[in-house]
Amino acid sequence: MIDWVTCELPFVHQPLESGLVCKLAADGEVEWATRCRVQVQGSHESSIQVRSVDGDGAGHATGLLFSGNPSKFLQGHNVFGSDDLVTLMYDTFLVLCRALGLSPSLQEVRAVKRGDYPLSMVDINQSYELPTRQDVLAWIRAAEFKSRTRHGRPQMKGGTLYWGKTSQRWALKVYSKGEEIEASKHQLPDDLLSTPIPAWADNKLRLELRIKKKQLTKHDITIARDMTADRARELFSEYVRKLEMNEQVALSSEEQLALPQKLRSTYILWRSGEDLRHTLPKATYYRHRNELLPYGIDIAISRDVVDRSNVVPLIRVLEATPAGIPEWAFQQRLVHRSAAPIA
């Protein structure tokens, strides 16, 4: 599903009455001024913030900067939802205009409906079903020590595991959706607590991809309509494949003896917890890594010296069929209309 979106919705309007944040020089001259955000109430007590940007030189703003979660704004939750970014943003735009008393022109409405506006950042996520929440938490603990991307090893913060958290291009994160919706910051609205949503989320592993402007441009995605539902799914799969994971099971004595002599000492050093990037010559390191991969050993991922139970297979979970939107979500109108399968 499409989660967080940052974009600029184009239409000429009187700037929203939101106040200004200014920087004054020592002599009192205004060096710069930025309009504050306006909060707009959405569905099921959810809200979103927008602000007027740019200008036409005649006192009008020419864009509405949107940075938020359209799914949560429209549905009241983001446990599951649509991957149709353009339709989500179009419906969000209509709600915003009604709430703010704005009257865009027909051409401006059509431009938003087509997705003809710049896209700066988008989050795409997918949920995976495991047997229990404990399995979800075990997967995350194992991935903390048994995974990496080109950004390097992940970092844990507040129950969420991040790969490339500070990257200016793209990042991944994973967490327990069941735990998240129990936290005060992300708690479901009262009228959704009695729905089947909490039970459905309980055993879900949520994996999210964030793609920022530089990386979107690299993929020739500059405006919203470039991010079709199919493209969103393709990109998500492409970046999930960048996760390097294995269970790093130690070889038995017989298997160890069967290793070529040149690899045996490298394996023993890795098994003892040695960081081989700082031990082996660069060419040897990469050659030995490639030769050990068929044995299920990736020396790029440091082995825990302390034995940690990896009770949930890592990559096999992500290769399994993701959790789809349950039928009752459509029947009870708990998901945006654009998520419905095409008949």
C-alpha atoms as a PDB file:
ATOM      1  CA  MET A   1       0.000   0.000   0.000  1.00  0.00           C
ATOM      2  CA  ILE A   2       0.959   3.665  -0.394  1.00  0.00           C
ATOM      3  CA  ASP A   3       1.700   5.150   2.992  1.00  0.00           C
ATOM      4  CA  TRP A   4       3.397   8.550   3.404  1.00  0.00           C
ATOM      5  CA  VAL A   5       3.459  10.991   0.460  1.00  0.00           C
ATOM      6  CA  THR A   6       5.191  14.328  -0.003  1.00  0.00           C
ATOM      7  CA  CYS A   7       4.085  16.311  -3.043  1.00  0.00           C
ATOM      8  CA  GLU A   8       2.976  19.758  -4.176  1.00  0.00           C
ATOM      9  CA  LEU A   9      -0.630  19.971  -5.337  1.00  0.00           C
ATOM     10  CA  PRO A  10      -0.925  22.746  -7.938  1.00  0.00           C
ATOM     11  CA  PHE A  11      -3.583  25.412  -7.767  1.00  0.00           C
ATOM     12  CA  VAL A  12      -3.720  29.169  -7.304  1.00  0.00           C
ATOM     13  CA  HIS A  13      -5.295  30.294  -4.035  1.00  0.00           C
ATOM     14  CA  GLN A  14      -5.191  32.899  -1.329  1.00  0.00           C
ATOM     15  CA  PRO A  15      -2.485  31.713   1.105  1.00  0.00           C
ATOM     16  CA  LEU A  16      -3.896  29.796   4.036  1.00  0.00           C
ATOM     17  CA  GLU A  17      -4.105  31.794   7.249  1.00  0.00           C
ATOM     18  CA  SER A  18      -1.511  29.905   9.187  1.00  0.00           C
ATOM     19  CA  GLY A  19       1.057  32.397  10.429  1.00  0.00           C
ATOM     20  CA  LEU A  20       4.728  32.659   9.495  1.00  0.00           C
ATOM     21  CA  VAL A  21       8.069  31.447  10.775  1.00  0.00           C
ATOM     22  CA  CYS A  22      10.663  34.144  10.085  1.00  0.00           C
ATOM     23  CA  LYS A  23      14.366  34.733  10.519  1.00  0.00           C
ATOM     24  CA  LEU A  24      15.385  38.290  11.342  1.00  0.00           C
ATOM     25  CA  ALA A  25      18.816  39.746  10.695  1.00  0.00           C
ATOM     26  CA  ALA A  26      20.610  41.721  13.408  1.00  0.00           C
ATOM     27  CA  ASP A  27      19.224  44.961  11.996  1.00  0.00           C
ATOM     28  CA  GLY A  28      15.663  43.611  12.102  1.00  0.00           C
ATOM     29  CA  GLU A  29      15.367  42.895   8.397  1.00  0.00           C
ATOM     30  CA  VAL A  30      13.494  39.690   7.501  1.00  0.00           C
ATOM     31  CA  GLU A  31      15.952  37.285   5.881  1.00  0.00           C
ATOM     32  CA  TRP A  32      13.336  34.639   5.105  1.00  0.00           C
ATOM     33  CA  ALA A  33       9.783  33.698   5.998  1.00  0.00           C
ATOM     34  CA  THR A  34       7.983  30.355   5.708  1.00  0.00           C
ATOM     35  CA  ARG A  35       4.290  29.790   6.123  1.00  0.00           C
ATOM     36  CA  CYS A  36       3.199  27.489   8.932  1.00  0.00           C
ATOM     37  CA  ARG A  37       1.157  24.353   8.367  1.00  0.00           C
ATOM     38  CA  VAL A  38      -2.600  24.112   8.754  1.00  0.00           C
ATOM     39  CA  GLN A  39      -4.136  21.006  10.310  1.00  0.00           C
ATOM     40  CA  VAL A  40      -7.152  19.502   8.551  1.00  0.00           C
ATOM     41  CA  GLN A  41      -9.408  16.895  10.158  1.00  0.00           C
ATOM     42  CA  GLY A  42      -9.997  13.737   8.153  1.00  0.00           C
ATOM     43  CA  SER A  43     -11.792  10.446   8.680  1.00  0.00           C
ATOM     44  CA  HIS A  44     -12.139   8.782  12.104  1.00  0.00           C
ATOM     45  CA  GLU A  45     -10.357  11.609  14.003  1.00  0.00           C
ATOM     46  CA  SER A  46      -7.297  11.422  11.739  1.00  0.00           C
ATOM     47  CA  SER A  47      -5.763  14.677  10.570  1.00  0.00           C
ATOM     48  CA  ILE A  48      -3.154  15.980   8.169  1.00  0.00           C
ATOM     49  CA  GLN A  49      -1.147  19.169   7.774  1.00  0.00           C
ATOM     50  CA  VAL A  50      -0.697  21.285   4.633  1.00  0.00           C
ATOM     51  CA  ARG A  51       0.703  24.709   3.828  1.00  0.00           C
ATOM     52  CA  SER A  52       0.620  27.208   0.985  1.00  0.00           C
ATOM     53  CA  VAL A  53       3.812  27.469  -1.061  1.00  0.00           C
ATOM     54  CA  ASP A  54       5.233  29.458  -3.977  1.00  0.00           C
ATOM     55  CA  GLY A  55       3.572  32.543  -5.415  1.00  0.00           C
ATOM     56  CA  ASP A  56       2.498  34.285  -8.593  1.00  0.00           C
ATOM     57  CA  GLY A  57       3.794  37.735  -7.644  1.00  0.00           C
ATOM     58  CA  ALA A  58       0.260  39.007  -7.070  1.00  0.00           C
ATOM     59  CA  GLY A  59      -0.173  37.736  -3.526  1.00  0.00           C
ATOM     60  CA  HIS A  60      -1.483  34.268  -4.423  1.00  0.00           C
ATOM     61  CA  ALA A  61       0.071  30.934  -3.524  1.00  0.00           C
ATOM     62  CA  THR A  62       0.395  28.543  -6.473  1.00  0.00           C
ATOM     63  CA  GLY A  63       0.726  25.246  -4.655  1.00  0.00           C
ATOM     64  CA  LEU A  64      -0.364  23.311  -1.577  1.00  0.00           C
ATOM     65  CA  LEU A  65       2.477  21.360   0.023  1.00  0.00           C
ATOM     66  CA  PHE A  66       1.213  18.011   1.222  1.00  0.00           C
ATOM     67  CA  SER A  67       3.275  15.741   3.451  1.00  0.00           C
ATOM     68  CA  GLY A  68       1.301  13.035   5.166  1.00  0.00           C
ATOM     69  CA  ASN A  69      -0.491   9.732   4.988  1.00  0.00           C
ATOM     70  CA  PRO A  70      -3.449   9.854   2.568  1.00  0.00           C
ATOM     71  CA  SER A  71      -4.560   6.324   3.473  1.00  0.00           C
ATOM     72  CA  LYS A  72      -4.802   7.131   7.170  1.00  0.00           C
ATOM     73  CA  PHE A  73      -6.438  10.489   6.411  1.00  0.00           C
ATOM     74  CA  LEU A  74      -9.195   8.856   4.343  1.00  0.00           C
ATOM     75  CA  GLN A  75      -9.595   5.544   6.215  1.00  0.00           C
ATOM     76  CA  GLY A  76      -8.681   6.484   9.780  1.00  0.00           C
ATOM     77  CA  HIS A  77      -5.944   3.822   9.768  1.00  0.00           C
ATOM     78  CA  ASN A  78      -3.062   2.527   7.661  1.00  0.00           C
ATOM     79  CA  VAL A  79      -3.154  -1.133   8.652  1.00  0.00           C
ATOM     80  CA  PHE A  80      -3.939  -1.963   5.022  1.00  0.00           C
ATOM     81  CA  GLY A  81      -4.878   0.173   2.044  1.00  0.00           C
ATOM     82  CA  SER A  82      -4.506   1.060  -1.607  1.00  0.00           C
ATOM     83  CA  ASP A  83      -1.413   1.216  -3.816  1.00  0.00           C
ATOM     84  CA  ASP A  84      -3.124   3.679  -6.204  1.00  0.00           C
ATOM     85  CA  LEU A  85      -1.293   6.878  -5.260  1.00  0.00           C
ATOM     86  CA  VAL A  86      -3.032   9.145  -7.776  1.00  0.00           C
ATOM     87  CA  THR A  87      -6.566   8.168  -6.721  1.00  0.00           C
ATOM     88  CA  LEU A  88      -5.678   8.404  -3.024  1.00  0.00           C
ATOM     89  CA  MET A  89      -4.284  11.900  -3.496  1.00  0.00           C
ATOM     90  CA  TYR A  90      -7.210  13.005  -5.671  1.00  0.00           C
ATOM     91  CA  ASP A  91      -9.760  12.031  -3.017  1.00  0.00           C
ATOM     92  CA  THR A  92      -7.568  13.616  -0.336  1.00  0.00           C
ATOM     93  CA  PHE A  93      -7.352  16.822  -2.383  1.00  0.00           C
ATOM     94  CA  LEU A  94     -11.147  17.050  -2.643  1.00  0.00           C
ATOM     95  CA  VAL A  95     -11.527  16.610   1.122  1.00  0.00           C
ATOM     96  CA  LEU A  96      -8.862  19.246   1.782  1.00  0.00           C
ATOM     97  CA  CYS A  97     -10.541  21.759  -0.531  1.00  0.00           C
ATOM     98  CA  ARG A  98     -13.916  21.267   1.161  1.00  0.00           C
ATOM     99  CA  ALA A  99     -12.424  21.546   4.637  1.00  0.00           C
ATOM    100  CA  LEU A 100     -10.388  24.661   3.817  1.00  0.00           C
ATOM    101  CA  GLY A 101     -13.042  26.374   1.704  1.00  0.00           C
ATOM    102  CA  LEU A 102     -10.839  26.379  -1.395  1.00  0.00           C
ATOM    103  CA  SER A 103     -12.220  26.451  -4.932  1.00  0.00           C
ATOM    104  CA  PRO A 104      -9.705  25.131  -7.459  1.00  0.00           C
ATOM    105  CA  SER A 105     -10.446  25.562 -11.148  1.00  0.00           C
ATOM    106  CA  LEU A 106     -11.658  22.684 -13.288  1.00  0.00           C
ATOM    107  CA  GLN A 107      -8.226  22.514 -14.946  1.00  0.00           C
ATOM    108  CA  GLU A 108      -6.520  22.288 -11.557  1.00  0.00           C
ATOM    109  CA  VAL A 109      -8.859  19.525 -10.389  1.00  0.00           C
ATOM    110  CA  ARG A 110      -8.208  17.603 -13.591  1.00  0.00           C
ATOM    111  CA  ALA A 111      -4.443  18.022 -13.165  1.00  0.00           C
ATOM    112  CA  VAL A 112      -4.639  16.481  -9.680  1.00  0.00           C
ATOM    113  CA  LYS A 113      -6.902  13.705 -10.944  1.00  0.00           C
ATOM    114  CA  ARG A 114      -4.328  12.881 -13.667  1.00  0.00           C
ATOM    115  CA  GLY A 115      -1.430  13.028 -11.215  1.00  0.00           C
ATOM    116  CA  ASP A 116       0.243  15.962 -12.977  1.00  0.00           C
ATOM    117  CA  TYR A 117       2.137  17.394 -10.012  1.00  0.00           C
ATOM    118  CA  PRO A 118       5.644  16.914  -8.589  1.00  0.00           C
ATOM    119  CA  LEU A 119       6.299  13.991  -6.253  1.00  0.00           C
ATOM    120  CA  SER A 120       9.103  14.412  -3.693  1.00  0.00           C
ATOM    121  CA  MET A 121       8.849  11.325  -1.485  1.00  0.00           C
ATOM    122  CA  VAL A 122       6.718   8.222  -1.123  1.00  0.00           C
ATOM    123  CA  ASP A 123       6.521   5.326   1.328  1.00  0.00           C
ATOM    124  CA  ILE A 124       5.400   1.922   0.042  1.00  0.00           C
ATOM    125  CA  ASN A 125       4.728  -0.899   2.485  1.00  0.00           C
ATOM    126  CA  GLN A 126       3.635  -4.502   2.659  1.00  0.00           C
ATOM    127  CA  SER A 127       2.471  -6.678   5.548  1.00  0.00           C
ATOM    128  CA  TYR A 128       3.518 -10.308   6.002  1.00  0.00           C
ATOM    129  CA  GLU A 129       1.644 -12.806   8.122  1.00  0.00           C
ATOM    130  CA  LEU A 130       3.513 -14.920  10.663  1.00  0.00           C
ATOM    131  CA  PRO A 131       1.998 -17.464  13.071  1.00  0.00           C
ATOM    132  CA  THR A 132       2.066 -15.171  16.131  1.00  0.00           C
ATOM    133  CA  ARG A 133       3.252 -11.752  17.248  1.00  0.00           C
ATOM    134  CA  GLN A 134       6.133 -13.447  19.058  1.00  0.00           C
ATOM    135  CA  ASP A 135       7.283 -14.800  15.691  1.00  0.00           C
ATOM    136  CA  VAL A 136       7.155 -11.261  14.288  1.00  0.00           C
ATOM    137  CA  LEU A 137       9.331  -9.959  17.130  1.00  0.00           C
ATOM    138  CA  ALA A 138      11.715 -12.912  16.748  1.00  0.00           C
ATOM    139  CA  TRP A 139      12.083 -12.151  13.016  1.00  0.00           C
ATOM    140  CA  ILE A 140      12.974  -8.530  13.786  1.00  0.00           C
ATOM    141  CA  ARG A 141      15.519  -9.540  16.450  1.00  0.00           C
ATOM    142  CA  ALA A 142      17.119 -12.030  14.077  1.00  0.00           C
ATOM    143  CA  ALA A 143      17.222  -9.498  11.206  1.00  0.00           C
ATOM    144  CA  GLU A 144      19.035  -7.023  13.461  1.00  0.00           C
ATOM    145  CA  PHE A 145      22.042  -9.359  13.518  1.00  0.00           C
ATOM    146  CA  LYS A 146      21.575 -11.385  10.343  1.00  0.00           C
ATOM    147  CA  SER A 147      20.908  -8.796   7.640  1.00  0.00           C
ATOM    148  CA  ARG A 148      22.426  -5.878   5.797  1.00  0.00           C
ATOM    149  CA  THR A 149      21.999  -3.727   2.701  1.00  0.00           C
ATOM    150  CA  ARG A 150      24.472  -1.563   0.816  1.00  0.00           C
ATOM    151  CA  HIS A 151      23.803   0.939   3.622  1.00  0.00           C
ATOM    152  CA  GLY A 152      25.433  -1.559   5.983  1.00  0.00           C
ATOM    153  CA  ARG A 153      24.038  -3.169   9.120  1.00  0.00           C
ATOM    154  CA  PRO A 154      20.604  -2.054  10.355  1.00  0.00           C
ATOM    155  CA  GLN A 155      19.952  -0.072  13.509  1.00  0.00           C
ATOM    156  CA  MET A 156      17.187  -0.595  16.034  1.00  0.00           C
ATOM    157  CA  LYS A 157      15.228   2.286  17.525  1.00  0.00           C
ATOM    158  CA  GLY A 158      12.118   1.932  19.614  1.00  0.00           C
ATOM    159  CA  GLY A 159      11.170  -1.500  18.307  1.00  0.00           C
ATOM    160  CA  THR A 160      11.674  -0.507  14.641  1.00  0.00           C
ATOM    161  CA  LEU A 161      14.617  -1.830  12.629  1.00  0.00           C
ATOM    162  CA  TYR A 162      16.043   0.550  10.007  1.00  0.00           C
ATOM    163  CA  TRP A 163      18.304   0.010   6.999  1.00  0.00           C
ATOM    164  CA  GLY A 164      19.669   3.336   5.703  1.00  0.00           C
ATOM    165  CA  LYS A 165      17.745   5.439   8.231  1.00  0.00           C
ATOM    166  CA  THR A 166      19.614   8.665   7.370  1.00  0.00           C
ATOM    167  CA  SER A 167      20.043   8.020   3.637  1.00  0.00           C
ATOM    168  CA  GLN A 168      19.159  10.872   1.290  1.00  0.00           C
ATOM    169  CA  ARG A 169      17.918   8.382  -1.320  1.00  0.00           C
ATOM    170  CA  TRP A 170      16.102   5.347   0.086  1.00  0.00           C
ATOM    171  CA  ALA A 171      15.582   3.411   3.281  1.00  0.00           C
ATOM    172  CA  LEU A 172      13.791   0.338   4.607  1.00  0.00           C
ATOM    173  CA  LYS A 173      12.289  -0.318   8.001  1.00  0.00           C
ATOM    174  CA  VAL A 174      10.426  -3.168   9.641  1.00  0.00           C
ATOM    175  CA  TYR A 175       8.288  -3.408  12.765  1.00  0.00           C
ATOM    176  CA  SER A 176       5.384  -5.205  14.391  1.00  0.00           C
ATOM    177  CA  LYS A 177       2.122  -3.681  13.165  1.00  0.00           C
ATOM    178  CA  GLY A 178       0.297  -5.188  16.134  1.00  0.00           C
ATOM    179  CA  GLU A 179       2.603  -3.404  18.562  1.00  0.00           C
ATOM    180  CA  GLU A 180       2.478  -0.139  16.640  1.00  0.00           C
ATOM    181  CA  ILE A 181      -1.296   0.298  16.767  1.00  0.00           C
ATOM    182  CA  GLU A 182      -1.203  -0.288  20.538  1.00  0.00           C
ATOM    183  CA  ALA A 183       1.221   2.602  21.050  1.00  0.00           C
ATOM    184  CA  SER A 184      -0.424   5.909  21.999  1.00  0.00           C
ATOM    185  CA  LYS A 185       1.063   7.763  19.010  1.00  0.00           C
ATOM    186  CA  HIS A 186      -0.441   5.360  16.448  1.00  0.00           C
ATOM    187  CA  GLN A 187      -3.420   4.000  18.368  1.00  0.00           C
ATOM    188  CA  LEU A 188      -6.544   3.262  16.368  1.00  0.00           C
ATOM    189  CA  PRO A 189      -9.499   5.634  16.772  1.00  0.00           C
ATOM    190  CA  ASP A 190     -12.083   4.404  19.278  1.00  0.00           C
ATOM    191  CA  ASP A 191     -14.633   3.563  16.573  1.00  0.00           C
ATOM    192  CA  LEU A 192     -12.157   1.214  14.853  1.00  0.00           C
ATOM    193  CA  LEU A 193     -11.132  -0.674  17.997  1.00  0.00           C
ATOM    194  CA  SER A 194     -14.296  -2.771  17.820  1.00  0.00           C
ATOM    195  CA  THR A 195     -13.624  -3.819  14.204  1.00  0.00           C
ATOM    196  CA  PRO A 196     -11.564  -6.893  13.211  1.00  0.00           C
ATOM    197  CA  ILE A 197      -8.577  -4.602  12.439  1.00  0.00           C
ATOM    198  CA  PRO A 198      -6.676  -5.072  15.771  1.00  0.00           C
ATOM    199  CA  ALA A 199      -6.885  -8.885  15.563  1.00  0.00           C
ATOM    200  CA  TRP A 200      -5.792  -8.857  11.913  1.00  0.00           C
ATOM    201  CA  ALA A 201      -2.769  -6.652  12.674  1.00  0.00           C
ATOM    202  CA  ASP A 202      -1.641  -8.695  15.684  1.00  0.00           C
ATOM    203  CA  ASN A 203       0.622 -11.144  13.812  1.00  0.00           C
ATOM    204  CA  LYS A 204       1.686  -8.894  10.920  1.00  0.00           C
ATOM    205  CA  LEU A 205       5.261  -7.989  10.080  1.00  0.00           C
ATOM    206  CA  ARG A 206       5.257  -4.572   8.352  1.00  0.00           C
ATOM    207  CA  LEU A 207       8.068  -3.758   5.934  1.00  0.00           C
ATOM    208  CA  GLU A 208       8.252  -0.207   4.552  1.00  0.00           C
ATOM    209  CA  LEU A 209      10.280   1.322   1.737  1.00  0.00           C
ATOM    210  CA  ARG A 210      10.879   5.075   1.655  1.00  0.00           C
ATOM    211  CA  ILE A 211      12.049   6.534  -1.677  1.00  0.00           C
ATOM    212  CA  LYS A 212      13.186  10.151  -1.681  1.00  0.00           C
ATOM    213  CA  LYS A 213      13.362  12.672  -4.492  1.00  0.00           C
ATOM    214  CA  LYS A 214      16.889  11.894  -5.754  1.00  0.00           C
ATOM    215  CA  GLN A 215      16.102   8.200  -6.039  1.00  0.00           C
ATOM    216  CA  LEU A 216      12.678   8.819  -7.560  1.00  0.00           C
ATOM    217  CA  THR A 217      14.365  10.918 -10.243  1.00  0.00           C
ATOM    218  CA  LYS A 218      16.831   8.095 -10.877  1.00  0.00           C
ATOM    219  CA  HIS A 219      13.833   5.864 -11.609  1.00  0.00           C
ATOM    220  CA  ASP A 220      12.304   8.520 -13.927  1.00  0.00           C
ATOM    221  CA  ILE A 221       9.541   9.220 -11.433  1.00  0.00           C
ATOM    222  CA  THR A 222       9.069  12.978 -11.180  1.00  0.00           C
ATOM    223  CA  ILE A 223       5.307  13.432 -11.099  1.00  0.00           C
ATOM    224  CA  ALA A 224       2.655  11.476  -9.257  1.00  0.00           C
ATOM    225  CA  ARG A 225       1.236   9.633 -12.264  1.00  0.00           C
ATOM    226  CA  ASP A 226       4.656   8.071 -12.866  1.00  0.00           C
ATOM    227  CA  MET A 227       4.091   6.091  -9.662  1.00  0.00           C
ATOM    228  CA  THR A 228       1.460   3.667 -10.902  1.00  0.00           C
ATOM    229  CA  ALA A 229       0.271   0.791  -8.739  1.00  0.00           C
ATOM    230  CA  ASP A 230       2.326  -1.640 -10.818  1.00  0.00           C
ATOM    231  CA  ARG A 231       5.406   0.585 -10.546  1.00  0.00           C
ATOM    232  CA  ALA A 232       4.991   0.830  -6.781  1.00  0.00           C
ATOM    233  CA  ARG A 233       4.882  -2.967  -6.485  1.00  0.00           C
ATOM    234  CA  GLU A 234       7.895  -3.366  -8.782  1.00  0.00           C
ATOM    235  CA  LEU A 235       9.983  -0.875  -6.812  1.00  0.00           C
ATOM    236  CA  PHE A 236       9.046  -2.436  -3.498  1.00  0.00           C
ATOM    237  CA  SER A 237      10.131  -5.881  -4.721  1.00  0.00           C
ATOM    238  CA  GLU A 238      13.333  -4.451  -6.194  1.00  0.00           C
ATOM    239  CA  TYR A 239      14.428  -2.849  -2.924  1.00  0.00           C
ATOM    240  CA  VAL A 240      13.389  -5.746  -0.716  1.00  0.00           C
ATOM    241  CA  ARG A 241      15.736  -7.886  -2.832  1.00  0.00           C
ATOM    242  CA  LYS A 242      18.546  -5.581  -1.745  1.00  0.00           C
ATOM    243  CA  LEU A 243      18.251  -7.056   1.742  1.00  0.00           C
ATOM    244  CA  GLU A 244      21.007  -9.590   2.248  1.00  0.00           C
ATOM    245  CA  MET A 245      19.783 -12.217   4.694  1.00  0.00           C
ATOM    246  CA  ASN A 246      20.582 -15.730   5.709  1.00  0.00           C
ATOM    247  CA  GLU A 247      20.257 -17.828   8.795  1.00  0.00           C
ATOM    248  CA  GLN A 248      24.021 -18.220   9.155  1.00  0.00           C
ATOM    249  CA  VAL A 249      23.867 -21.790  10.451  1.00  0.00           C
ATOM    250  CA  ALA A 250      27.277 -23.013  11.559  1.00  0.00           C
ATOM    251  CA  LEU A 251      28.633 -25.888   9.490  1.00  0.00           C
ATOM    252  CA  SER A 252      28.964 -29.304  11.063  1.00  0.00           C
ATOM    253  CA  SER A 253      32.449 -30.727  11.557  1.00  0.00           C
ATOM    254  CA  GLU A 254      32.125 -32.910   8.455  1.00  0.00           C
ATOM    255  CA  GLU A 255      30.918 -29.996   6.330  1.00  0.00           C
ATOM    256  CA  GLN A 256      33.701 -27.822   7.676  1.00  0.00           C
ATOM    257  CA  LEU A 257      36.329 -30.412   6.779  1.00  0.00           C
ATOM    258  CA  ALA A 258      34.824 -30.634   3.289  1.00  0.00           C
ATOM    259  CA  LEU A 259      35.551 -26.965   2.686  1.00  0.00           C
ATOM    260  CA  PRO A 260      38.562 -26.168   0.491  1.00  0.00           C
ATOM    261  CA  GLN A 261      41.587 -25.452   2.676  1.00  0.00           C
ATOM    262  CA  LYS A 262      41.707 -21.821   1.491  1.00  0.00           C
ATOM    263  CA  LEU A 263      38.157 -21.268   2.785  1.00  0.00           C
ATOM    264  CA  ARG A 264      38.415 -23.220   6.021  1.00  0.00           C
ATOM    265  CA  SER A 265      40.503 -20.681   7.917  1.00  0.00           C
ATOM    266  CA  THR A 266      38.322 -17.833   6.653  1.00  0.00           C
ATOM    267  CA  TYR A 267      35.225 -19.671   7.868  1.00  0.00           C
ATOM    268  CA  ILE A 268      36.767 -20.333  11.298  1.00  0.00           C
ATOM    269  CA  LEU A 269      37.677 -16.674  11.698  1.00  0.00           C
ATOM    270  CA  TRP A 270      34.184 -15.609  10.683  1.00  0.00           C
ATOM    271  CA  ARG A 271      32.610 -18.138  13.058  1.00  0.00           C
ATOM    272  CA  SER A 272      34.633 -16.695  15.950  1.00  0.00           C
ATOM    273  CA  GLY A 273      33.082 -13.280  15.310  1.00  0.00           C
ATOM    274  CA  GLU A 274      35.943 -11.686  13.355  1.00  0.00           C
ATOM    275  CA  ASP A 275      35.074  -8.813  10.992  1.00  0.00           C
ATOM    276  CA  LEU A 276      36.853 -10.120   7.907  1.00  0.00           C
ATOM    277  CA  ARG A 277      36.617  -6.841   6.004  1.00  0.00           C
ATOM    278  CA  HIS A 278      39.407  -5.601   8.252  1.00  0.00           C
ATOM    279  CA  THR A 279      41.340  -8.874   8.255  1.00  0.00           C
ATOM    280  CA  LEU A 280      41.535 -10.111   4.673  1.00  0.00           C
ATOM    281  CA  PRO A 281      42.877  -8.308   1.603  1.00  0.00           C
ATOM    282  CA  LYS A 282      39.987  -6.760  -0.311  1.00  0.00           C
ATOM    283  CA  ALA A 283      40.222  -9.088  -3.318  1.00  0.00           C
ATOM    284  CA  THR A 284      40.489 -12.175  -1.076  1.00  0.00           C
ATOM    285  CA  TYR A 285      37.535 -11.023   1.025  1.00  0.00           C
ATOM    286  CA  TYR A 286      35.190 -10.737  -1.974  1.00  0.00           C
ATOM    287  CA  ARG A 287      36.446 -13.951  -3.583  1.00  0.00           C
ATOM    288  CA  HIS A 288      35.995 -15.961  -0.363  1.00  0.00           C
ATOM    289  CA  ARG A 289      32.591 -14.397   0.233  1.00  0.00           C
ATOM    290  CA  ASN A 290      31.343 -15.556  -3.181  1.00  0.00           C
ATOM    291  CA  GLU A 291      32.785 -19.036  -2.673  1.00  0.00           C
ATOM    292  CA  LEU A 292      31.210 -19.464   0.786  1.00  0.00           C
ATOM    293  CA  LEU A 293      27.730 -18.267  -0.204  1.00  0.00           C
ATOM    294  CA  PRO A 294      26.775 -21.680  -1.702  1.00  0.00           C
ATOM    295  CA  TYR A 295      27.384 -23.148   1.787  1.00  0.00           C
ATOM    296  CA  GLY A 296      24.847 -20.738   3.316  1.00  0.00           C
ATOM    297  CA  ILE A 297      27.540 -18.544   4.843  1.00  0.00           C
ATOM    298  CA  ASP A 298      27.788 -14.811   4.138  1.00  0.00           C
ATOM    299  CA  ILE A 299      30.909 -13.367   5.732  1.00  0.00           C
ATOM    300  CA  ALA A 300      29.590  -9.851   5.020  1.00  0.00           C
ATOM    301  CA  ILE A 301      27.110 -10.404   7.855  1.00  0.00           C
ATOM    302  CA  SER A 302      28.957 -10.708  11.135  1.00  0.00           C
ATOM    303  CA  ARG A 303      28.125 -13.821  13.087  1.00  0.00           C
ATOM    304  CA  ASP A 304      26.916 -13.415  16.649  1.00  0.00           C
ATOM    305  CA  VAL A 305      29.521 -14.673  19.100  1.00  0.00           C
ATOM    306  CA  VAL A 306      26.669 -15.058  21.572  1.00  0.00           C
ATOM    307  CA  ASP A 307      24.226 -17.678  20.359  1.00  0.00           C
ATOM    308  CA  ARG A 308      20.915 -16.067  19.445  1.00  0.00           C
ATOM    309  CA  SER A 309      17.882 -18.137  18.524  1.00  0.00           C
ATOM    310  CA  ASN A 310      16.810 -17.477  14.950  1.00  0.00           C
ATOM    311  CA  VAL A 311      13.446 -19.165  15.283  1.00  0.00           C
ATOM    312  CA  VAL A 312      11.912 -17.538  12.200  1.00  0.00           C
ATOM    313  CA  PRO A 313      13.512 -17.974   8.758  1.00  0.00           C
ATOM    314  CA  LEU A 314      14.438 -14.546   7.449  1.00  0.00           C
ATOM    315  CA  ILE A 315      14.311 -14.321   3.685  1.00  0.00           C
ATOM    316  CA  ARG A 316      11.743 -17.114   3.339  1.00  0.00           C
ATOM    317  CA  VAL A 317       9.227 -14.929   5.169  1.00  0.00           C
ATOM    318  CA  LEU A 318       9.659 -12.152   2.606  1.00  0.00           C
ATOM    319  CA  GLU A 319       9.477 -14.613  -0.269  1.00  0.00           C
ATOM    320  CA  ALA A 320       6.144 -15.931   1.009  1.00  0.00           C
ATOM    321  CA  THR A 321       2.825 -14.575  -0.191  1.00  0.00           C
ATOM    322  CA  PRO A 322       2.205 -11.195   1.504  1.00  0.00           C
ATOM    323  CA  ALA A 323      -0.907 -10.696   3.590  1.00  0.00           C
ATOM    324  CA  GLY A 324      -3.709  -9.413   1.362  1.00  0.00           C
ATOM    325  CA  ILE A 325      -6.570  -7.132   2.345  1.00  0.00           C
ATOM    326  CA  PRO A 326      -9.275  -9.241   4.044  1.00  0.00           C
ATOM    327  CA  GLU A 327     -12.697  -9.412   2.424  1.00  0.00           C
ATOM    328  CA  TRP A 328     -14.422  -8.026   5.511  1.00  0.00           C
ATOM    329  CA  ALA A 329     -12.459  -4.775   5.079  1.00  0.00           C
ATOM    330  CA  PHE A 330     -14.326  -4.110   1.822  1.00  0.00           C
ATOM    331  CA  GLN A 331     -17.662  -5.239   3.237  1.00  0.00           C
ATOM    332  CA  GLN A 332     -17.318  -2.917   6.253  1.00  0.00           C
ATOM    333  CA  ARG A 333     -15.856  -0.054   4.176  1.00  0.00           C
ATOM    334  CA  LEU A 334     -12.638   0.005   6.173  1.00  0.00           C
ATOM    335  CA  VAL A 335     -10.403   0.445   3.136  1.00  0.00           C
ATOM    336  CA  HIS A 336     -10.255   3.040   0.353  1.00  0.00           C
ATOM    337  CA  ARG A 337     -12.289   2.283  -2.768  1.00  0.00           C
ATOM    338  CA  SER A 338      -9.213   2.198  -5.030  1.00  0.00           C
ATOM    339  CA  ALA A 339      -7.910  -0.880  -3.199  1.00  0.00           C
ATOM    340  CA  ALA A 340     -10.763  -3.020  -4.525  1.00  0.00           C
ATOM    341  CA  PRO A 341      -9.619  -5.651  -7.052  1.00  0.00           C
ATOM    342  CA  ILE A 342     -10.560  -4.965 -10.649  1.00  0.00           C
ATOM    343  CA  ALA A 343     -13.449  -7.216 -11.683  1.00  0.00           C
END
